[in-house]
Protein backbone atom coordinates (compact mmCIF):
# COMPACT_ATOMS: atom_id res chain seq x y z
CA MET A 1 3.27 46.99 6.94
CA LYS A 2 5.30 46.02 3.58
CA SER A 3 5.00 42.22 4.71
CA PHE A 4 1.75 43.04 5.50
CA PHE A 5 0.87 44.14 2.04
CA ILE A 6 2.86 41.44 0.36
CA ALA A 7 0.81 38.91 2.68
CA LEU A 8 -2.49 40.46 1.36
CA LEU A 9 -1.88 40.22 -2.33
CA THR A 10 -0.96 36.89 -2.01
CA PHE A 11 -3.97 35.92 0.20
CA SER A 12 -6.23 37.90 -2.86
CA SER A 13 -4.46 36.07 -5.56
CA PHE A 14 -4.98 32.67 -3.95
CA PHE A 15 -9.35 33.08 -3.89
CA GLY A 16 -8.98 35.15 -7.25
CA VAL A 17 -7.52 32.08 -9.16
CA LYS A 18 -9.82 29.66 -7.41
CA SER A 19 -12.80 31.92 -8.04
CA GLN A 20 -12.51 32.33 -11.50
CA VAL A 21 -11.81 28.43 -11.85
CA ASN A 22 -15.13 27.65 -9.77
CA ASP A 23 -17.18 29.92 -12.28
CA THR A 24 -14.99 28.36 -15.30
CA LEU A 25 -16.30 24.82 -14.25
CA VAL A 26 -19.79 26.37 -13.75
CA LEU A 27 -19.74 27.60 -17.01
CA LYS A 28 -18.88 24.23 -18.52
CA GLU A 29 -20.86 22.27 -17.01
CA ILE A 30 -24.07 24.62 -17.86
CA HIS A 31 -22.95 24.44 -21.89
CA ASN A 32 -21.76 19.97 -21.75
CA LYS A 33 -24.88 19.27 -19.41
CA ARG A 34 -25.56 16.22 -20.30
CA PHE A 35 -30.05 14.81 -20.96
CA GLU A 36 -29.98 11.96 -18.98
CA PHE A 37 -32.31 9.27 -19.69
CA ALA A 38 -35.75 8.33 -17.63
CA PRO A 39 -38.02 6.31 -18.66
CA LYS A 40 -40.78 9.05 -18.51
CA LYS A 41 -38.95 10.67 -21.08
CA LEU A 42 -39.98 7.79 -23.74
CA TYR A 43 -44.43 8.62 -22.19
CA VAL A 44 -44.82 11.49 -25.17
CA PRO A 45 -42.69 10.01 -27.81
CA ALA A 46 -44.05 6.37 -27.51
CA GLY A 47 -47.60 7.49 -27.24
CA LEU A 48 -47.93 9.58 -30.79
CA MET A 49 -46.29 6.56 -32.29
CA VAL A 50 -48.48 4.03 -31.25
CA GLY A 51 -51.22 6.77 -31.35
CA GLY A 52 -50.38 6.89 -34.98
CA LEU A 53 -49.79 3.14 -35.28
CA LEU A 54 -53.80 2.56 -33.95
CA THR A 55 -55.35 5.48 -35.81
CA ASP A 56 -54.13 3.13 -39.04
CA LEU A 57 -55.94 0.23 -38.16
CA GLY A 58 -59.58 -1.62 -38.21
CA LYS A 59 -62.16 0.92 -36.67
CA SER A 60 -59.71 3.92 -36.73
CA LYS A 61 -58.87 4.10 -40.13
CA SER A 62 -62.36 5.05 -40.51
CA ILE A 63 -62.08 8.24 -38.52
CA GLU A 64 -59.03 9.74 -40.48
CA LYS A 65 -60.95 9.09 -43.99
CA GLU A 66 -63.58 11.55 -42.12
CA ILE A 67 -61.21 14.16 -41.67
CA VAL A 68 -60.02 13.77 -45.46
CA GLU A 69 -63.04 14.10 -46.55
CA GLU A 70 -63.71 16.96 -44.19
CA ARG A 71 -60.39 18.66 -45.80
CA ASN A 72 -62.09 17.80 -49.05
CA GLU A 73 -65.05 19.86 -48.25
CA HIS A 74 -64.09 22.67 -46.90
CA LEU A 75 -60.68 23.18 -48.20
CA PHE A 76 -60.68 21.46 -51.79
CA GLY A 77 -57.92 22.88 -53.78
CA PHE A 78 -55.74 24.15 -51.49
CA THR A 79 -52.34 24.45 -51.08
CA ASN A 80 -49.46 26.08 -50.15
CA HIS A 81 -46.01 25.75 -49.41
CA ILE A 82 -45.39 27.05 -45.89
CA ASP A 83 -44.71 23.85 -44.14
CA ASP A 84 -41.67 23.22 -46.54
CA TYR A 85 -40.22 25.99 -45.32
CA ALA A 86 -41.21 25.74 -41.59
CA GLN A 87 -39.76 22.23 -40.64
CA PHE A 88 -36.50 23.87 -41.18
CA ALA A 89 -37.23 27.08 -38.67
CA PRO A 90 -36.49 25.36 -35.26
CA PHE A 91 -33.00 23.97 -36.78
CA VAL A 92 -32.03 27.90 -37.93
CA ALA A 93 -33.28 29.18 -34.50
CA LEU A 94 -31.07 26.57 -32.87
CA TYR A 95 -28.25 28.55 -33.77
CA ALA A 96 -29.78 31.89 -34.30
CA PHE A 97 -30.39 31.89 -30.49
CA GLU A 98 -27.44 31.29 -28.72
CA TRP A 99 -26.44 34.26 -31.36
CA ALA A 100 -29.13 36.70 -30.11
CA GLY A 101 -27.08 35.98 -26.23
CA MET A 102 -29.53 32.98 -25.03
CA ILE A 103 -27.49 30.52 -22.87
CA PRO A 104 -27.57 26.65 -24.57
CA ARG A 105 -27.10 23.53 -22.75
CA THR A 106 -24.42 22.21 -24.85
CA ASP A 107 -21.33 24.32 -27.55
CA TRP A 108 -22.22 24.16 -30.82
CA GLN A 109 -19.91 21.71 -31.52
CA ASN A 110 -21.73 18.90 -29.22
CA ARG A 111 -24.58 20.66 -30.65
CA THR A 112 -24.18 20.06 -33.87
CA ALA A 113 -22.51 16.30 -33.20
CA ILE A 114 -26.10 15.44 -31.54
CA MET A 115 -28.15 16.89 -34.07
CA ILE A 116 -26.80 14.96 -37.50
CA LYS A 117 -26.88 11.94 -35.03
CA GLY A 118 -30.35 12.17 -34.79
CA GLN A 119 -31.12 13.45 -38.07
CA ILE A 120 -29.62 10.07 -39.41
CA LEU A 121 -31.62 7.99 -37.00
CA ASN A 122 -34.80 9.76 -37.79
CA LEU A 123 -34.52 10.27 -41.66
CA GLY A 124 -33.10 7.17 -42.25
CA THR A 125 -36.15 5.72 -40.77
CA VAL A 126 -39.06 8.11 -42.31
CA TYR A 127 -36.92 6.65 -46.15
CA ILE A 128 -36.70 2.77 -44.77
CA LEU A 129 -40.86 3.06 -43.56
CA LYS A 130 -41.63 5.06 -46.59
CA LYS A 131 -40.53 2.48 -49.21
CA ALA A 132 -41.19 -1.03 -47.29
CA ILE A 133 -44.47 0.42 -46.33
CA SER A 134 -45.67 2.48 -49.64
CA GLU A 135 -48.70 3.45 -48.53
CA THR A 136 -51.11 6.23 -50.91
CA ARG A 137 -51.37 9.73 -49.76
CA PRO A 138 -54.33 11.51 -49.72
CA ASP A 139 -53.78 12.91 -53.14
CA GLY A 140 -52.92 9.55 -54.24
CA THR A 141 -49.24 10.00 -54.38
CA GLN A 142 -47.25 7.81 -53.08
CA TYR A 143 -45.20 7.42 -50.01
CA SER A 144 -47.50 8.72 -47.36
CA PHE A 145 -46.36 6.94 -44.12
CA PRO A 146 -44.95 8.31 -42.01
CA SER A 147 -44.79 12.39 -42.55
CA GLY A 148 -40.83 13.27 -43.02
CA HIS A 149 -41.87 16.95 -43.09
CA THR A 150 -43.46 16.71 -39.26
CA ALA A 151 -41.00 14.30 -37.89
CA ASN A 152 -38.34 16.88 -39.26
CA ALA A 153 -40.12 20.04 -37.49
CA PHE A 154 -40.48 17.91 -34.23
CA ALA A 155 -36.87 16.60 -34.14
CA GLY A 156 -35.95 20.25 -34.23
CA ALA A 157 -38.60 21.18 -31.66
CA THR A 158 -37.18 19.00 -29.11
CA LEU A 159 -33.15 20.14 -30.09
CA LEU A 160 -34.56 23.72 -29.09
CA ALA A 161 -36.49 22.51 -25.85
CA ILE A 162 -33.77 20.59 -24.54
CA GLU A 163 -30.76 23.40 -25.46
CA TYR A 164 -33.04 26.70 -24.09
CA GLY A 165 -35.95 25.33 -22.14
CA GLN A 166 -34.19 24.62 -18.94
CA ASN A 167 -33.26 29.12 -18.84
CA HIS A 168 -36.06 29.98 -21.12
CA LYS A 169 -39.38 28.24 -20.52
CA TRP A 170 -40.86 29.66 -23.20
CA VAL A 171 -39.06 27.83 -26.32
CA PRO A 172 -40.62 24.41 -25.65
CA TYR A 173 -44.23 25.86 -26.19
CA ALA A 174 -43.18 28.34 -28.75
CA ALA A 175 -41.17 25.33 -30.85
CA TYR A 176 -43.80 22.64 -30.04
CA ALA A 177 -46.40 25.18 -31.56
CA VAL A 178 -44.28 25.65 -35.18
CA ALA A 179 -43.81 21.59 -34.99
CA GLY A 180 -47.28 21.13 -34.65
CA GLY A 181 -48.35 23.58 -37.25
CA VAL A 182 -46.53 21.96 -39.63
CA GLY A 183 -48.08 18.57 -39.07
CA VAL A 184 -50.97 20.40 -39.36
CA MET A 185 -50.44 22.40 -43.06
CA ARG A 186 -49.61 18.69 -43.76
CA MET A 187 -53.08 17.31 -43.46
CA VAL A 188 -54.39 20.80 -44.96
CA ASN A 189 -52.56 20.18 -48.26
CA ASN A 190 -54.03 16.88 -48.27
CA LYS A 191 -50.19 14.90 -48.04
CA HIS A 192 -50.72 13.00 -45.15
CA TYR A 193 -53.18 11.67 -42.90
CA ILE A 194 -53.57 12.18 -38.90
CA SER A 195 -51.32 8.73 -38.33
CA ASP A 196 -48.86 9.88 -40.60
CA VAL A 197 -48.41 12.94 -38.96
CA LEU A 198 -49.01 11.28 -34.81
CA PHE A 199 -46.02 8.99 -36.04
CA GLY A 200 -43.93 11.35 -37.51
CA ALA A 201 -43.92 13.78 -35.10
CA GLY A 202 -43.02 10.93 -32.34
CA LEU A 203 -40.84 9.44 -34.29
CA GLY A 204 -38.89 12.83 -34.34
CA ILE A 205 -39.15 13.37 -30.92
CA LEU A 206 -37.24 9.83 -29.68
CA SER A 207 -34.97 10.29 -32.56
CA ILE A 208 -32.93 13.23 -31.13
CA LYS A 209 -33.47 12.55 -27.50
CA THR A 210 -31.69 9.02 -28.35
CA ALA A 211 -28.80 11.38 -29.64
CA TYR A 212 -28.95 12.91 -26.57
CA TRP A 213 -28.61 9.87 -24.45
CA THR A 214 -26.04 8.20 -26.17
CA HIS A 215 -24.06 11.63 -26.91
CA ARG A 216 -20.44 11.09 -25.41
CA TYR A 217 -19.30 14.48 -25.63
CA ARG A 218 -15.96 13.98 -27.04
CA TRP A 219 -15.97 17.75 -28.70
CA GLY A 220 -15.38 20.57 -27.10
CA LYS A 221 -12.61 20.06 -25.06
CA ARG A 222 -14.96 20.26 -21.44
CA LYS A 223 -12.74 17.92 -19.78
CA SER A 224 -9.22 19.44 -21.13
CA ASP A 225 -10.21 23.14 -20.52
CA ILE A 226 -11.14 22.19 -16.98
CA GLY A 227 -7.76 20.05 -16.71
CA ALA A 228 -5.77 23.29 -17.29
CA PHE A 229 -7.74 25.14 -14.99
CA ALA A 230 -6.93 22.79 -12.31
CA GLU A 231 -3.48 22.96 -13.23
CA ILE A 232 -3.69 26.58 -12.59
CA TYR A 233 -5.07 26.20 -9.28
CA ASN A 234 -2.38 22.93 -8.37
CA ASP A 235 0.30 25.80 -9.43
CA GLN A 236 -0.99 28.50 -7.61
CA ASN A 237 -1.30 26.35 -4.83
CA SER A 238 2.20 24.95 -4.49
CA SER A 239 3.72 28.42 -4.84
CA LEU A 240 2.05 29.52 -1.61
CA ILE A 241 2.83 26.84 0.21
CA LYS A 242 6.94 27.31 -0.98
C-alpha cells in the first residue's frame, strides 16, 4: 500500500510539472504572438495614402476646397483643442487596458519597443514630408501635408487594435473611431484638407504595422523563460527514469 501511494504521488508530480510547462508556454505565446505580414494588410493604409494623394491632385483639388468653403460657411471662427489631446488617448489606453485586466498580444517591453520604432518611422516621415512639401494650410499657416495629429492618432489606434483586438473585439472599432474623430476635428479646426487627413491616417497605420512585421522580440526573455521551464520538465523526467 505504501509503495502504491509513492507511485501515485510520483505520477501526479510528473503530470503536474508537465501541465505547468504547457500552461506557461501558452501564456507566453499569447503575450508575444507575432503579427505576421500578409499583402492584404497593406490594402487599408495604402488605399488611404493613395486616396490622399489623388484628392490633392487635379480635379479632386476642387473637392477639398469645397469642403473648406462649407466649413467656413457654417463653422467660421470655430476652434477647439480636443484633437490636441485626443491624439494621445490610444497610447494611454495601450497600457491602461492591461492594467485593467485585459489581455494584450505582447508583453510591455516588446510593446514599448514596437511603439517607439513605429513612431520614429511615423513622425519622422511626417516631419520630412511637411518640410519638403511645405503646403499651406486652410487657415493660411504652413506645413499642411500630411496631418501629424491624424497620423499619430491612427498609429495609436493600430497599436490598440493589434494588441487587444484578438481578445476584445470592440477595441479596434473604438480605437479607430477616436482616431477618425481626431482627423475630422483637424478639418473642423481649419488646420487640414481632407487629403492631409487621409494620407496621415494611412501613414500612421502603415508605420505601426511595419514596426510589428520587423520586430524581433528580443525583450521579455521569452526564449529563456521557455528554456527554464523545459529544463525543469527534463529534470523531472530524468529523476523518474532513475
